Amino acid sequence: MEEFLEDFTDEAVEIAQEAIDAFRRNIERAGLELTEELKQDFQFHVLRQVNQLTMEFDFREYGRFKDMAYLRYGSHMPPAEAMEFFVDKIGLDKFAYVQGYEGKQVPTVKNATRRLAWAIAMGRRRIPSVKRDYRGTWYNDGKMKVINAAKQRVRWRASEWITLNLKNKLETNGE
C-alpha cells in the first residue's frame, strides 16, 4: 500500500488541479463572472499520511452566494461595499444624477460613488426581493462529476498497479 501511495501522489495532485479547473469552467458555463477574487477562493491540498492519501478542496463561496436566486434585505442593509463596487464597475456616467448635488455642483468621484451606492442600497431595502431565474444546482452537478471522475482514475490506477505488482511477484516466485 505504501508503494502505491508513493506512486500515486503526483497523479493525485494532477487530479486535484484538474478538479479546480473543472470548478472554474462550471462557474463560467453557468454564466457567472469568474472574478479574480473567486478564482483565488479555489485551493486544494493533497495530504499524505501513513496508509492514506487525502485530497481536500477549499472554495469559500464557489459562486453560490454571488449568484443567489433571491436577494432579500428586509431588516438589514445590503452591503454598501458591494454597491460601491457595482457603481465603480458600471461607471458614474451611466447615472442621470447624484442625489444631494443640485444644479451645477460637481461631486467628487468618491462622494458620488458613495451617494449612489447608498441610494441603490436603500432602494434594495425598500423593495427587498430581486428575483432571478432558476439556474439549477450547477455546483452540485459539477462537484459530483469531478468526484466520480477522480474515483474512476483511482480505480484504474489501482488496478494497473495491482496487476503490475502481481505479475512481478509471480515472476519473482517462479524463478
N, C-alpha and C. Protein backbone atom coordinates (compact mmCIF):
# COMPACT_ATOMS: atom_id res chain seq x y z
N MET A 1 0.83 -1.19 0.00
CA MET A 1 0.00 0.00 0.00
C MET A 1 0.87 1.26 0.00
N GLU A 2 1.93 1.21 0.77
CA GLU A 2 2.84 2.37 0.87
C GLU A 2 3.42 2.72 -0.50
N GLU A 3 3.78 1.68 -1.27
CA GLU A 3 4.34 1.90 -2.61
C GLU A 3 3.31 2.55 -3.53
N PHE A 4 2.07 2.07 -3.46
CA PHE A 4 1.02 2.64 -4.30
C PHE A 4 0.82 4.12 -3.99
N LEU A 5 0.75 4.45 -2.71
CA LEU A 5 0.55 5.85 -2.32
C LEU A 5 1.72 6.71 -2.79
N GLU A 6 2.91 6.16 -2.71
CA GLU A 6 4.09 6.90 -3.18
C GLU A 6 3.99 7.16 -4.69
N ASP A 7 3.61 6.13 -5.44
CA ASP A 7 3.47 6.27 -6.89
C ASP A 7 2.31 7.19 -7.27
N PHE A 8 1.25 7.16 -6.50
CA PHE A 8 0.02 7.85 -6.87
C PHE A 8 -0.02 9.32 -6.43
N THR A 9 0.86 9.76 -5.56
CA THR A 9 0.79 11.13 -5.02
C THR A 9 0.83 12.18 -6.12
N ASP A 10 1.72 12.04 -7.09
CA ASP A 10 1.81 13.03 -8.18
C ASP A 10 0.52 13.05 -9.00
N GLU A 11 -0.04 11.88 -9.24
CA GLU A 11 -1.29 11.83 -10.00
C GLU A 11 -2.44 12.45 -9.21
N ALA A 12 -2.41 12.31 -7.90
CA ALA A 12 -3.45 12.93 -7.05
C ALA A 12 -3.39 14.44 -7.16
N VAL A 13 -2.19 15.00 -7.21
CA VAL A 13 -2.04 16.45 -7.38
C VAL A 13 -2.60 16.86 -8.74
N GLU A 14 -2.33 16.07 -9.76
CA GLU A 14 -2.85 16.34 -11.11
C GLU A 14 -4.38 16.29 -11.13
N ILE A 15 -4.95 15.29 -10.47
CA ILE A 15 -6.41 15.16 -10.39
C ILE A 15 -7.01 16.38 -9.69
N ALA A 16 -6.38 16.80 -8.61
CA ALA A 16 -6.89 17.95 -7.84
C ALA A 16 -6.84 19.22 -8.68
N GLN A 17 -5.76 19.42 -9.43
CA GLN A 17 -5.66 20.62 -10.28
C GLN A 17 -6.71 20.59 -11.38
N GLU A 18 -6.93 19.42 -11.97
CA GLU A 18 -7.98 19.30 -12.99
C GLU A 18 -9.36 19.57 -12.40
N ALA A 19 -9.57 19.16 -11.16
CA ALA A 19 -10.86 19.42 -10.49
C ALA A 19 -11.07 20.92 -10.31
N ILE A 20 -10.04 21.63 -9.89
CA ILE A 20 -10.14 23.09 -9.72
C ILE A 20 -10.48 23.74 -11.06
N ASP A 21 -9.82 23.29 -12.12
CA ASP A 21 -10.12 23.83 -13.46
C ASP A 21 -11.57 23.54 -13.86
N ALA A 22 -12.06 22.35 -13.52
CA ALA A 22 -13.45 21.99 -13.83
C ALA A 22 -14.42 22.86 -13.05
N PHE A 23 -14.12 23.15 -11.79
CA PHE A 23 -14.99 24.02 -10.99
C PHE A 23 -15.06 25.41 -11.63
N ARG A 24 -13.93 25.90 -12.09
CA ARG A 24 -13.91 27.22 -12.73
C ARG A 24 -14.73 27.22 -14.02
N ARG A 25 -14.59 26.15 -14.81
CA ARG A 25 -15.39 26.05 -16.05
C ARG A 25 -16.89 25.99 -15.74
N ASN A 26 -17.25 25.29 -14.66
CA ASN A 26 -18.66 25.21 -14.27
C ASN A 26 -19.23 26.58 -13.95
N ILE A 27 -18.45 27.41 -13.30
CA ILE A 27 -18.91 28.76 -12.98
C ILE A 27 -19.11 29.56 -14.26
N GLU A 28 -18.16 29.49 -15.17
CA GLU A 28 -18.28 30.23 -16.43
C GLU A 28 -19.46 29.72 -17.25
N ARG A 29 -19.66 28.40 -17.28
CA ARG A 29 -20.77 27.81 -18.02
C ARG A 29 -22.12 28.24 -17.45
N ALA A 30 -22.16 28.49 -16.15
CA ALA A 30 -23.41 28.93 -15.52
C ALA A 30 -23.69 30.40 -15.78
N GLY A 31 -22.78 31.06 -16.50
CA GLY A 31 -23.00 32.46 -16.85
C GLY A 31 -22.58 33.43 -15.77
N LEU A 32 -21.80 32.97 -14.81
CA LEU A 32 -21.32 33.86 -13.76
C LEU A 32 -20.00 34.47 -14.16
N GLU A 33 -19.70 35.59 -13.57
CA GLU A 33 -18.43 36.25 -13.84
C GLU A 33 -17.38 35.65 -12.91
N LEU A 34 -16.36 35.06 -13.48
CA LEU A 34 -15.31 34.45 -12.69
C LEU A 34 -14.28 35.52 -12.36
N THR A 35 -14.49 36.20 -11.25
CA THR A 35 -13.60 37.29 -10.85
C THR A 35 -12.29 36.72 -10.31
N GLU A 36 -11.30 37.57 -10.21
CA GLU A 36 -10.01 37.15 -9.66
C GLU A 36 -10.20 36.68 -8.22
N GLU A 37 -11.07 37.37 -7.49
CA GLU A 37 -11.35 37.00 -6.09
C GLU A 37 -11.91 35.59 -6.01
N LEU A 38 -12.84 35.27 -6.90
CA LEU A 38 -13.44 33.94 -6.90
C LEU A 38 -12.43 32.88 -7.33
N LYS A 39 -11.55 33.23 -8.28
CA LYS A 39 -10.50 32.29 -8.71
C LYS A 39 -9.59 31.93 -7.54
N GLN A 40 -9.28 32.94 -6.72
CA GLN A 40 -8.38 32.71 -5.59
C GLN A 40 -9.04 31.89 -4.48
N ASP A 41 -10.37 31.82 -4.49
CA ASP A 41 -11.07 31.03 -3.48
C ASP A 41 -10.85 29.54 -3.65
N PHE A 42 -10.48 29.10 -4.84
CA PHE A 42 -10.26 27.68 -5.10
C PHE A 42 -8.86 27.28 -4.68
N GLN A 43 -8.78 26.29 -3.82
CA GLN A 43 -7.48 25.76 -3.41
C GLN A 43 -7.64 24.25 -3.19
N PHE A 44 -6.52 23.55 -3.27
CA PHE A 44 -6.56 22.12 -2.96
C PHE A 44 -5.34 21.75 -2.15
N HIS A 45 -5.48 20.66 -1.42
CA HIS A 45 -4.38 20.12 -0.62
C HIS A 45 -4.39 18.60 -0.81
N VAL A 46 -3.23 18.05 -1.06
CA VAL A 46 -3.10 16.60 -1.10
C VAL A 46 -2.30 16.22 0.13
N LEU A 47 -2.94 15.50 1.04
CA LEU A 47 -2.33 15.15 2.31
C LEU A 47 -1.96 13.67 2.31
N ARG A 48 -0.73 13.40 2.66
CA ARG A 48 -0.24 12.02 2.68
C ARG A 48 0.05 11.64 4.11
N GLN A 49 -0.62 10.60 4.58
CA GLN A 49 -0.36 10.07 5.92
C GLN A 49 0.10 8.64 5.75
N VAL A 50 0.26 7.94 6.82
CA VAL A 50 0.86 6.60 6.79
C VAL A 50 0.28 5.73 5.67
N ASN A 51 -0.95 5.33 5.76
CA ASN A 51 -1.57 4.50 4.73
C ASN A 51 -2.78 5.18 4.13
N GLN A 52 -2.67 6.48 3.95
CA GLN A 52 -3.83 7.22 3.46
C GLN A 52 -3.37 8.42 2.64
N LEU A 53 -4.09 8.67 1.57
CA LEU A 53 -3.86 9.84 0.72
C LEU A 53 -5.20 10.56 0.62
N THR A 54 -5.21 11.84 0.98
CA THR A 54 -6.46 12.59 1.02
C THR A 54 -6.33 13.83 0.16
N MET A 55 -7.38 14.10 -0.65
CA MET A 55 -7.45 15.34 -1.42
C MET A 55 -8.52 16.20 -0.78
N GLU A 56 -8.16 17.44 -0.48
CA GLU A 56 -9.14 18.38 0.08
C GLU A 56 -9.27 19.56 -0.86
N PHE A 57 -10.51 19.99 -1.06
CA PHE A 57 -10.78 21.16 -1.89
C PHE A 57 -11.39 22.23 -1.01
N ASP A 58 -10.88 23.42 -1.14
CA ASP A 58 -11.42 24.56 -0.41
C ASP A 58 -11.94 25.57 -1.42
N PHE A 59 -13.18 25.96 -1.28
CA PHE A 59 -13.71 27.07 -2.05
C PHE A 59 -14.77 27.73 -1.20
N ARG A 60 -14.40 28.89 -0.69
CA ARG A 60 -15.27 29.59 0.26
C ARG A 60 -16.66 29.80 -0.30
N GLU A 61 -16.75 30.39 -1.45
CA GLU A 61 -18.07 30.77 -1.94
C GLU A 61 -18.50 29.94 -3.14
N TYR A 62 -17.60 29.53 -3.98
CA TYR A 62 -17.88 28.73 -5.16
C TYR A 62 -19.10 29.22 -5.91
N GLY A 63 -19.28 30.53 -5.94
CA GLY A 63 -20.35 31.09 -6.74
C GLY A 63 -21.73 31.03 -6.13
N ARG A 64 -21.90 30.28 -5.08
CA ARG A 64 -23.24 30.13 -4.51
C ARG A 64 -23.79 31.46 -4.00
N PHE A 65 -23.02 32.15 -3.22
CA PHE A 65 -23.53 33.36 -2.59
C PHE A 65 -23.47 34.56 -3.51
N LYS A 66 -22.68 34.47 -4.56
CA LYS A 66 -22.62 35.56 -5.52
C LYS A 66 -23.71 35.41 -6.58
N ASP A 67 -24.36 34.27 -6.62
CA ASP A 67 -25.38 34.01 -7.62
C ASP A 67 -26.67 33.53 -6.95
N MET A 68 -27.13 34.28 -5.96
CA MET A 68 -28.32 33.87 -5.23
C MET A 68 -29.56 34.09 -6.08
N ALA A 69 -30.50 33.20 -5.95
CA ALA A 69 -31.75 33.34 -6.70
C ALA A 69 -32.58 34.50 -6.17
N TYR A 70 -32.54 34.72 -4.89
CA TYR A 70 -33.27 35.83 -4.28
C TYR A 70 -32.31 36.62 -3.39
N LEU A 71 -32.36 37.90 -3.51
CA LEU A 71 -31.63 38.76 -2.59
C LEU A 71 -32.68 39.41 -1.70
N ARG A 72 -32.59 39.18 -0.43
CA ARG A 72 -33.58 39.73 0.49
C ARG A 72 -32.87 40.60 1.53
N TYR A 73 -33.31 41.81 1.62
CA TYR A 73 -32.78 42.74 2.61
C TYR A 73 -33.96 43.35 3.34
N GLY A 74 -34.54 42.62 4.25
CA GLY A 74 -35.70 43.13 4.97
C GLY A 74 -35.32 44.01 6.14
N SER A 75 -34.70 43.42 7.14
CA SER A 75 -34.41 44.15 8.37
C SER A 75 -32.99 44.69 8.43
N HIS A 76 -32.16 44.35 7.48
CA HIS A 76 -30.78 44.84 7.50
C HIS A 76 -30.43 45.47 6.15
N MET A 77 -29.35 46.20 6.15
CA MET A 77 -28.92 46.92 4.93
C MET A 77 -28.13 46.00 4.01
N PRO A 78 -28.28 46.19 2.72
CA PRO A 78 -27.42 45.48 1.78
C PRO A 78 -25.97 45.93 1.98
N PRO A 79 -25.01 45.13 1.57
CA PRO A 79 -23.60 45.51 1.76
C PRO A 79 -23.23 46.72 0.92
N ALA A 80 -22.88 47.82 1.58
CA ALA A 80 -22.56 49.07 0.89
C ALA A 80 -21.32 48.91 0.00
N GLU A 81 -20.36 48.10 0.45
CA GLU A 81 -19.13 47.91 -0.34
C GLU A 81 -19.46 47.26 -1.69
N ALA A 82 -20.37 46.32 -1.67
CA ALA A 82 -20.77 45.66 -2.93
C ALA A 82 -21.47 46.65 -3.85
N MET A 83 -22.26 47.52 -3.27
CA MET A 83 -22.96 48.53 -4.08
C MET A 83 -21.95 49.53 -4.67
N GLU A 84 -20.94 49.91 -3.86
CA GLU A 84 -19.90 50.82 -4.36
C GLU A 84 -19.12 50.16 -5.49
N PHE A 85 -18.82 48.88 -5.34
CA PHE A 85 -18.12 48.14 -6.39
C PHE A 85 -18.96 48.15 -7.67
N PHE A 86 -20.26 47.94 -7.53
CA PHE A 86 -21.17 47.95 -8.67
C PHE A 86 -21.15 49.31 -9.37
N VAL A 87 -21.24 50.39 -8.60
CA VAL A 87 -21.23 51.74 -9.18
C VAL A 87 -19.92 51.99 -9.90
N ASP A 88 -18.80 51.62 -9.28
CA ASP A 88 -17.49 51.79 -9.92
C ASP A 88 -17.40 50.98 -11.21
N LYS A 89 -17.95 49.77 -11.17
CA LYS A 89 -17.85 48.87 -12.32
C LYS A 89 -18.61 49.41 -13.54
N ILE A 90 -19.83 49.92 -13.32
CA ILE A 90 -20.58 50.39 -14.48
C ILE A 90 -20.28 51.84 -14.83
N GLY A 91 -19.69 52.58 -13.89
CA GLY A 91 -19.27 53.95 -14.19
C GLY A 91 -20.28 55.00 -13.78
N LEU A 92 -19.77 56.11 -13.26
CA LEU A 92 -20.63 57.21 -12.81
C LEU A 92 -21.41 57.85 -13.95
N ASP A 93 -20.85 57.83 -15.14
CA ASP A 93 -21.51 58.48 -16.28
C ASP A 93 -22.81 57.78 -16.70
N LYS A 94 -23.06 56.59 -16.19
CA LYS A 94 -24.29 55.86 -16.53
C LYS A 94 -25.49 56.31 -15.68
N PHE A 95 -25.24 57.12 -14.66
CA PHE A 95 -26.31 57.58 -13.79
C PHE A 95 -26.72 59.00 -14.17
N ALA A 96 -28.02 59.27 -14.13
CA ALA A 96 -28.55 60.57 -14.55
C ALA A 96 -28.10 61.70 -13.63
N TYR A 97 -28.13 61.46 -12.35
CA TYR A 97 -27.70 62.50 -11.41
C TYR A 97 -27.32 61.83 -10.09
N VAL A 98 -26.63 62.62 -9.26
CA VAL A 98 -26.24 62.14 -7.95
C VAL A 98 -27.07 62.89 -6.92
N GLN A 99 -27.77 62.14 -6.09
CA GLN A 99 -28.64 62.75 -5.08
C GLN A 99 -27.83 63.65 -4.14
N GLY A 100 -28.37 64.81 -3.84
CA GLY A 100 -27.72 65.73 -2.91
C GLY A 100 -26.90 66.80 -3.59
N TYR A 101 -26.70 66.70 -4.89
CA TYR A 101 -25.95 67.72 -5.63
C TYR A 101 -26.91 68.38 -6.61
N GLU A 102 -27.26 69.59 -6.31
CA GLU A 102 -28.23 70.31 -7.12
C GLU A 102 -27.52 71.20 -8.14
N GLY A 103 -28.18 71.44 -9.23
CA GLY A 103 -27.69 72.40 -10.22
C GLY A 103 -26.34 72.05 -10.79
N LYS A 104 -25.41 73.02 -10.69
CA LYS A 104 -24.11 72.86 -11.34
C LYS A 104 -23.02 72.37 -10.39
N GLN A 105 -23.39 71.94 -9.20
CA GLN A 105 -22.39 71.40 -8.29
C GLN A 105 -21.82 70.11 -8.88
N VAL A 106 -20.52 69.98 -8.81
CA VAL A 106 -19.86 68.78 -9.34
C VAL A 106 -19.34 67.97 -8.16
N PRO A 107 -19.84 66.76 -7.97
CA PRO A 107 -19.39 65.94 -6.84
C PRO A 107 -18.02 65.33 -7.12
N THR A 108 -17.28 65.05 -6.06
CA THR A 108 -16.03 64.30 -6.24
C THR A 108 -16.42 62.86 -6.57
N VAL A 109 -15.53 62.17 -7.21
CA VAL A 109 -15.82 60.79 -7.63
C VAL A 109 -16.13 59.91 -6.42
N LYS A 110 -15.32 60.04 -5.37
CA LYS A 110 -15.51 59.20 -4.19
C LYS A 110 -16.87 59.46 -3.54
N ASN A 111 -17.21 60.74 -3.36
CA ASN A 111 -18.50 61.08 -2.75
C ASN A 111 -19.66 60.64 -3.64
N ALA A 112 -19.53 60.85 -4.94
CA ALA A 112 -20.60 60.47 -5.86
C ALA A 112 -20.82 58.96 -5.81
N THR A 113 -19.74 58.20 -5.80
CA THR A 113 -19.85 56.74 -5.74
C THR A 113 -20.56 56.32 -4.46
N ARG A 114 -20.15 56.92 -3.34
CA ARG A 114 -20.78 56.58 -2.06
C ARG A 114 -22.27 56.92 -2.04
N ARG A 115 -22.60 58.09 -2.54
CA ARG A 115 -24.01 58.51 -2.54
C ARG A 115 -24.86 57.61 -3.43
N LEU A 116 -24.33 57.28 -4.61
CA LEU A 116 -25.09 56.39 -5.50
C LEU A 116 -25.24 55.00 -4.89
N ALA A 117 -24.15 54.50 -4.30
CA ALA A 117 -24.20 53.18 -3.66
C ALA A 117 -25.24 53.18 -2.53
N TRP A 118 -25.26 54.24 -1.75
CA TRP A 118 -26.22 54.34 -0.66
C TRP A 118 -27.65 54.37 -1.21
N ALA A 119 -27.87 55.11 -2.27
CA ALA A 119 -29.21 55.19 -2.87
C ALA A 119 -29.65 53.82 -3.39
N ILE A 120 -28.74 53.10 -4.02
CA ILE A 120 -29.07 51.76 -4.51
C ILE A 120 -29.37 50.83 -3.34
N ALA A 121 -28.54 50.90 -2.29
CA ALA A 121 -28.76 50.06 -1.11
C ALA A 121 -30.12 50.34 -0.48
N MET A 122 -30.47 51.62 -0.36
CA MET A 122 -31.77 51.97 0.21
C MET A 122 -32.91 51.46 -0.68
N GLY A 123 -32.73 51.55 -1.99
CA GLY A 123 -33.73 51.02 -2.91
C GLY A 123 -33.91 49.52 -2.75
N ARG A 124 -32.81 48.81 -2.56
CA ARG A 124 -32.87 47.35 -2.36
C ARG A 124 -33.56 47.02 -1.04
N ARG A 125 -33.38 47.88 -0.06
CA ARG A 125 -34.02 47.63 1.24
C ARG A 125 -35.52 47.89 1.15
N ARG A 126 -35.90 48.92 0.44
CA ARG A 126 -37.33 49.25 0.33
C ARG A 126 -38.08 48.22 -0.52
N ILE A 127 -37.42 47.73 -1.56
CA ILE A 127 -38.02 46.69 -2.40
C ILE A 127 -37.13 45.46 -2.21
N PRO A 128 -37.44 44.61 -1.21
CA PRO A 128 -36.48 43.64 -0.72
C PRO A 128 -36.12 42.45 -1.61
N SER A 129 -36.86 42.13 -2.64
CA SER A 129 -36.55 40.92 -3.40
C SER A 129 -36.13 41.25 -4.82
N VAL A 130 -35.06 40.63 -5.24
CA VAL A 130 -34.63 40.68 -6.63
C VAL A 130 -34.66 39.23 -7.09
N LYS A 131 -35.58 38.92 -7.98
CA LYS A 131 -35.75 37.53 -8.39
C LYS A 131 -34.95 37.25 -9.65
N ARG A 132 -34.22 36.14 -9.62
CA ARG A 132 -33.51 35.67 -10.80
C ARG A 132 -34.13 34.35 -11.22
N ASP A 133 -33.98 34.02 -12.47
CA ASP A 133 -34.48 32.73 -12.95
C ASP A 133 -33.73 31.61 -12.26
N TYR A 134 -34.40 30.49 -12.11
CA TYR A 134 -33.77 29.32 -11.51
C TYR A 134 -32.72 28.78 -12.47
N ARG A 135 -31.53 28.57 -11.98
CA ARG A 135 -30.46 28.05 -12.82
C ARG A 135 -30.06 26.64 -12.44
N GLY A 136 -30.74 26.06 -11.50
CA GLY A 136 -30.41 24.70 -11.08
C GLY A 136 -29.26 24.69 -10.09
N THR A 137 -28.99 23.52 -9.60
CA THR A 137 -27.90 23.38 -8.64
C THR A 137 -26.65 22.96 -9.39
N TRP A 138 -26.13 23.87 -10.19
CA TRP A 138 -24.99 23.56 -11.04
C TRP A 138 -23.75 23.20 -10.24
N TYR A 139 -23.63 23.73 -9.03
CA TYR A 139 -22.42 23.45 -8.25
C TYR A 139 -22.40 22.00 -7.79
N ASN A 140 -23.57 21.43 -7.44
CA ASN A 140 -23.60 20.03 -7.02
C ASN A 140 -23.32 19.09 -8.19
N ASP A 141 -23.91 19.37 -9.36
CA ASP A 141 -23.65 18.53 -10.53
C ASP A 141 -22.16 18.52 -10.87
N GLY A 142 -21.58 19.70 -10.91
CA GLY A 142 -20.15 19.81 -11.24
C GLY A 142 -19.27 19.10 -10.23
N LYS A 143 -19.62 19.27 -8.96
CA LYS A 143 -18.84 18.64 -7.90
C LYS A 143 -18.91 17.12 -8.02
N MET A 144 -20.09 16.58 -8.28
CA MET A 144 -20.23 15.13 -8.38
C MET A 144 -19.53 14.57 -9.61
N LYS A 145 -19.54 15.31 -10.71
CA LYS A 145 -18.81 14.86 -11.91
C LYS A 145 -17.32 14.77 -11.61
N VAL A 146 -16.79 15.76 -10.91
CA VAL A 146 -15.37 15.77 -10.56
C VAL A 146 -15.05 14.60 -9.64
N ILE A 147 -15.88 14.38 -8.64
CA ILE A 147 -15.63 13.29 -7.68
C ILE A 147 -15.71 11.94 -8.39
N ASN A 148 -16.70 11.75 -9.24
CA ASN A 148 -16.83 10.47 -9.95
C ASN A 148 -15.66 10.23 -10.90
N ALA A 149 -15.21 11.27 -11.59
CA ALA A 149 -14.05 11.12 -12.48
C ALA A 149 -12.79 10.78 -11.68
N ALA A 150 -12.64 11.41 -10.52
CA ALA A 150 -11.47 11.14 -9.68
C ALA A 150 -11.52 9.70 -9.16
N LYS A 151 -12.69 9.24 -8.74
CA LYS A 151 -12.82 7.86 -8.26
C LYS A 151 -12.47 6.87 -9.37
N GLN A 152 -12.91 7.16 -10.59
CA GLN A 152 -12.62 6.28 -11.72
C GLN A 152 -11.12 6.21 -11.98
N ARG A 153 -10.46 7.37 -11.93
CA ARG A 153 -9.00 7.37 -12.15
C ARG A 153 -8.27 6.61 -11.06
N VAL A 154 -8.72 6.74 -9.83
CA VAL A 154 -8.09 6.00 -8.73
C VAL A 154 -8.27 4.50 -8.95
N ARG A 155 -9.47 4.08 -9.37
CA ARG A 155 -9.71 2.65 -9.64
C ARG A 155 -8.81 2.13 -10.75
N TRP A 156 -8.71 2.89 -11.86
CA TRP A 156 -7.86 2.46 -12.97
C TRP A 156 -6.40 2.35 -12.53
N ARG A 157 -5.96 3.38 -11.84
CA ARG A 157 -4.55 3.41 -11.41
C ARG A 157 -4.27 2.27 -10.42
N ALA A 158 -5.20 2.03 -9.51
CA ALA A 158 -5.02 0.95 -8.53
C ALA A 158 -5.00 -0.41 -9.23
N SER A 159 -5.90 -0.61 -10.19
CA SER A 159 -5.91 -1.91 -10.88
C SER A 159 -4.63 -2.10 -11.70
N GLU A 160 -4.13 -1.04 -12.34
CA GLU A 160 -2.85 -1.13 -13.06
C GLU A 160 -1.73 -1.51 -12.11
N TRP A 161 -1.70 -0.84 -10.97
CA TRP A 161 -0.63 -1.06 -10.00
C TRP A 161 -0.69 -2.47 -9.44
N ILE A 162 -1.90 -2.94 -9.11
CA ILE A 162 -2.07 -4.29 -8.57
C ILE A 162 -1.64 -5.33 -9.60
N THR A 163 -2.08 -5.15 -10.85
CA THR A 163 -1.73 -6.10 -11.90
C THR A 163 -0.22 -6.16 -12.11
N LEU A 164 0.41 -5.01 -12.18
CA LEU A 164 1.86 -4.96 -12.38
C LEU A 164 2.60 -5.61 -11.22
N ASN A 165 2.21 -5.30 -10.00
CA ASN A 165 2.88 -5.88 -8.83
C ASN A 165 2.62 -7.37 -8.69
N LEU A 166 1.42 -7.80 -9.05
CA LEU A 166 1.10 -9.23 -9.01
C LEU A 166 1.95 -9.97 -10.03
N LYS A 167 2.08 -9.40 -11.22
CA LYS A 167 2.91 -10.01 -12.27
C LYS A 167 4.36 -10.11 -11.80
N ASN A 168 4.88 -9.01 -11.24
CA ASN A 168 6.27 -9.02 -10.75
C ASN A 168 6.46 -10.05 -9.64
N LYS A 169 5.48 -10.15 -8.75
CA LYS A 169 5.55 -11.10 -7.64
C LYS A 169 5.55 -12.54 -8.16
N LEU A 170 4.68 -12.81 -9.15
CA LEU A 170 4.61 -14.15 -9.72
C LEU A 170 5.90 -14.50 -10.47
N GLU A 171 6.46 -13.52 -11.18
CA GLU A 171 7.72 -13.77 -11.90
C GLU A 171 8.86 -14.03 -10.93
N THR A 172 8.88 -13.31 -9.81
CA THR A 172 9.95 -13.49 -8.83
C THR A 172 9.82 -14.85 -8.14
N ASN A 173 8.60 -15.27 -7.85
CA ASN A 173 8.38 -16.57 -7.20
C ASN A 173 8.62 -17.72 -8.17
N GLY A 174 8.42 -17.49 -9.46
CA GLY A 174 8.59 -18.54 -10.46
C GLY A 174 10.05 -18.83 -10.76
N GLU A 175 10.94 -17.91 -10.44
CA GLU A 175 12.35 -18.12 -10.76
C GLU A 175 13.06 -19.00 -9.79
